[in-house]
C-alpha atoms as a PDB file:
ATOM      1  CA  MET A   1       1.403  -3.565 -12.859  1.00  0.00           C
ATOM      2  CA  TYR A   2      -1.798  -2.758 -11.042  1.00  0.00           C
ATOM      3  CA  PRO A   3      -2.169  -0.205  -9.622  1.00  0.00           C
ATOM      4  CA  SER A   4       0.126   1.935 -11.738  1.00  0.00           C
ATOM      5  CA  ILE A   5       2.944   3.917 -10.166  1.00  0.00           C
ATOM      6  CA  ASP A   6       1.430   7.130 -11.548  1.00  0.00           C
ATOM      7  CA  LYS A   7      -1.830   6.576  -9.666  1.00  0.00           C
ATOM      8  CA  LEU A   8       0.013   5.660  -6.492  1.00  0.00           C
ATOM      9  CA  LEU A   9       2.197   8.775  -6.618  1.00  0.00           C
ATOM     10  CA  ASN A  10      -0.984  10.865  -6.663  1.00  0.00           C
ATOM     11  CA  VAL A  11      -1.819   9.358  -3.265  1.00  0.00           C
ATOM     12  CA  ILE A  12       1.685   9.172  -1.752  1.00  0.00           C
ATOM     13  CA  PRO A  13       4.037  12.030  -2.723  1.00  0.00           C
ATOM     14  CA  SER A  14       7.301  10.078  -2.630  1.00  0.00           C
ATOM     15  CA  LYS A  15       8.232   6.759  -4.199  1.00  0.00           C
ATOM     16  CA  TYR A  16      10.478   6.058  -1.204  1.00  0.00           C
ATOM     17  CA  ILE A  17       7.600   6.489   1.229  1.00  0.00           C
ATOM     18  CA  LEU A  18       5.434   4.393  -1.074  1.00  0.00           C
ATOM     19  CA  VAL A  19       7.944   1.517  -1.070  1.00  0.00           C
ATOM     20  CA  HIS A  20       8.292   1.698   2.706  1.00  0.00           C
ATOM     21  CA  LEU A  21       4.516   1.694   3.283  1.00  0.00           C
ATOM     22  CA  ALA A  22       3.888  -1.142   0.842  1.00  0.00           C
ATOM     23  CA  SER A  23       6.659  -3.225   2.368  1.00  0.00           C
ATOM     24  CA  ARG A  24       5.407  -2.769   5.920  1.00  0.00           C
ATOM     25  CA  ARG A  25       1.778  -3.420   5.006  1.00  0.00           C
ATOM     26  CA  SER A  26       2.730  -6.489   2.986  1.00  0.00           C
ATOM     27  CA  LYS A  27       4.653  -7.989   5.909  1.00  0.00           C
ATOM     28  CA  GLN A  28       1.763  -7.156   8.222  1.00  0.00           C
ATOM     29  CA  MET A  29      -0.674  -8.982   5.925  1.00  0.00           C
ATOM     30  CA  LEU A  30       1.520 -12.085   5.863  1.00  0.00           C
ATOM     31  CA  GLU A  31       1.958 -12.126   9.647  1.00  0.00           C
ATOM     32  CA  THR A  32      -1.616 -11.364  10.740  1.00  0.00           C
ATOM     33  CA  ARG A  33      -3.677 -12.571   7.754  1.00  0.00           C
ATOM     34  CA  TYR A  34      -5.734  -9.363   8.189  1.00  0.00           C
ATOM     35  CA  TYR A  35      -6.957  -7.779   4.958  1.00  0.00           C
ATOM     36  CA  GLN A  36      -8.904  -4.528   4.724  1.00  0.00           C
ATOM     37  CA  MET A  37     -10.886  -5.635   1.681  1.00  0.00           C
ATOM     38  CA  LYS A  38     -12.675  -8.844   0.818  1.00  0.00           C
ATOM     39  CA  GLN A  39     -10.446 -11.458  -0.801  1.00  0.00           C
ATOM     40  CA  ASN A  40     -12.380 -11.357  -4.091  1.00  0.00           C
ATOM     41  CA  GLU A  41     -11.997  -7.540  -4.355  1.00  0.00           C
ATOM     42  CA  TYR A  42      -8.229  -7.733  -4.825  1.00  0.00           C
ATOM     43  CA  VAL A  43      -6.785  -7.865  -8.342  1.00  0.00           C
ATOM     44  CA  ASN A  44      -3.375  -9.064  -7.139  1.00  0.00           C
ATOM     45  CA  LYS A  45      -2.712 -12.429  -5.552  1.00  0.00           C
ATOM     46  CA  LYS A  46       0.499 -11.498  -3.721  1.00  0.00           C
ATOM     47  CA  ALA A  47       0.646  -9.448  -0.531  1.00  0.00           C
ATOM     48  CA  ILE A  48       2.817  -6.671  -2.000  1.00  0.00           C
ATOM     49  CA  GLY A  49       0.317  -6.073  -4.799  1.00  0.00           C
ATOM     50  CA  ARG A  50      -2.559  -6.140  -2.348  1.00  0.00           C
ATOM     51  CA  ALA A  51      -0.757  -3.623  -0.148  1.00  0.00           C
ATOM     52  CA  LEU A  52      -0.392  -1.307  -3.151  1.00  0.00           C
ATOM     53  CA  GLU A  53      -4.108  -1.683  -3.907  1.00  0.00           C
ATOM     54  CA  GLU A  54      -4.965  -0.716  -0.323  1.00  0.00           C
ATOM     55  CA  ILE A  55      -2.687   2.323  -0.578  1.00  0.00           C
ATOM     56  CA  GLU A  56      -4.373   3.392  -3.813  1.00  0.00           C
ATOM     57  CA  LYS A  57      -7.816   3.120  -2.200  1.00  0.00           C
ATOM     58  CA  GLY A  58      -6.689   5.199   0.780  1.00  0.00           C
ATOM     59  CA  LEU A  59      -6.932   2.338   3.262  1.00  0.00           C
ATOM     60  CA  VAL A  60      -3.248   2.671   4.194  1.00  0.00           C
ATOM     61  CA  THR A  61      -1.956   6.117   5.053  1.00  0.00           C
ATOM     62  CA  TYR A  62       1.056   7.640   6.703  1.00  0.00           C
ATOM     63  CA  GLU A  63       1.583  10.471   9.125  1.00  0.00           C
ATOM     64  CA  LYS A  64       4.000  13.150   8.066  1.00  0.00           C
ATOM     65  CA  THR A  65       6.497  14.023  10.788  1.00  0.00           C
ATOM     66  CA  GLY A  66       9.057  16.797  11.045  1.00  0.00           C
ATOM     67  CA  ASP A  67      11.809  14.798   9.362  1.00  0.00           C
ATOM     68  CA  ASN A  68       9.701  13.931   6.260  1.00  0.00           C
ATOM     69  CA  LYS A  69      10.153  16.526   3.541  1.00  0.00           C
END
């Protein structure tokens, strides 16, 4: 799988947050057809893989709130 889970967990501290972010970004890509990178820069063809690539590159982030630990 690209990018690897180990690399992604260096960017996002929790696999649960990672899954949530990737899921939301993937759905957003499918609904809006908006991509943050050029189409030919993605390794993956599917939206979920592309969302993970964006997370790895720091293009998708999250804001830590009081209930995130």
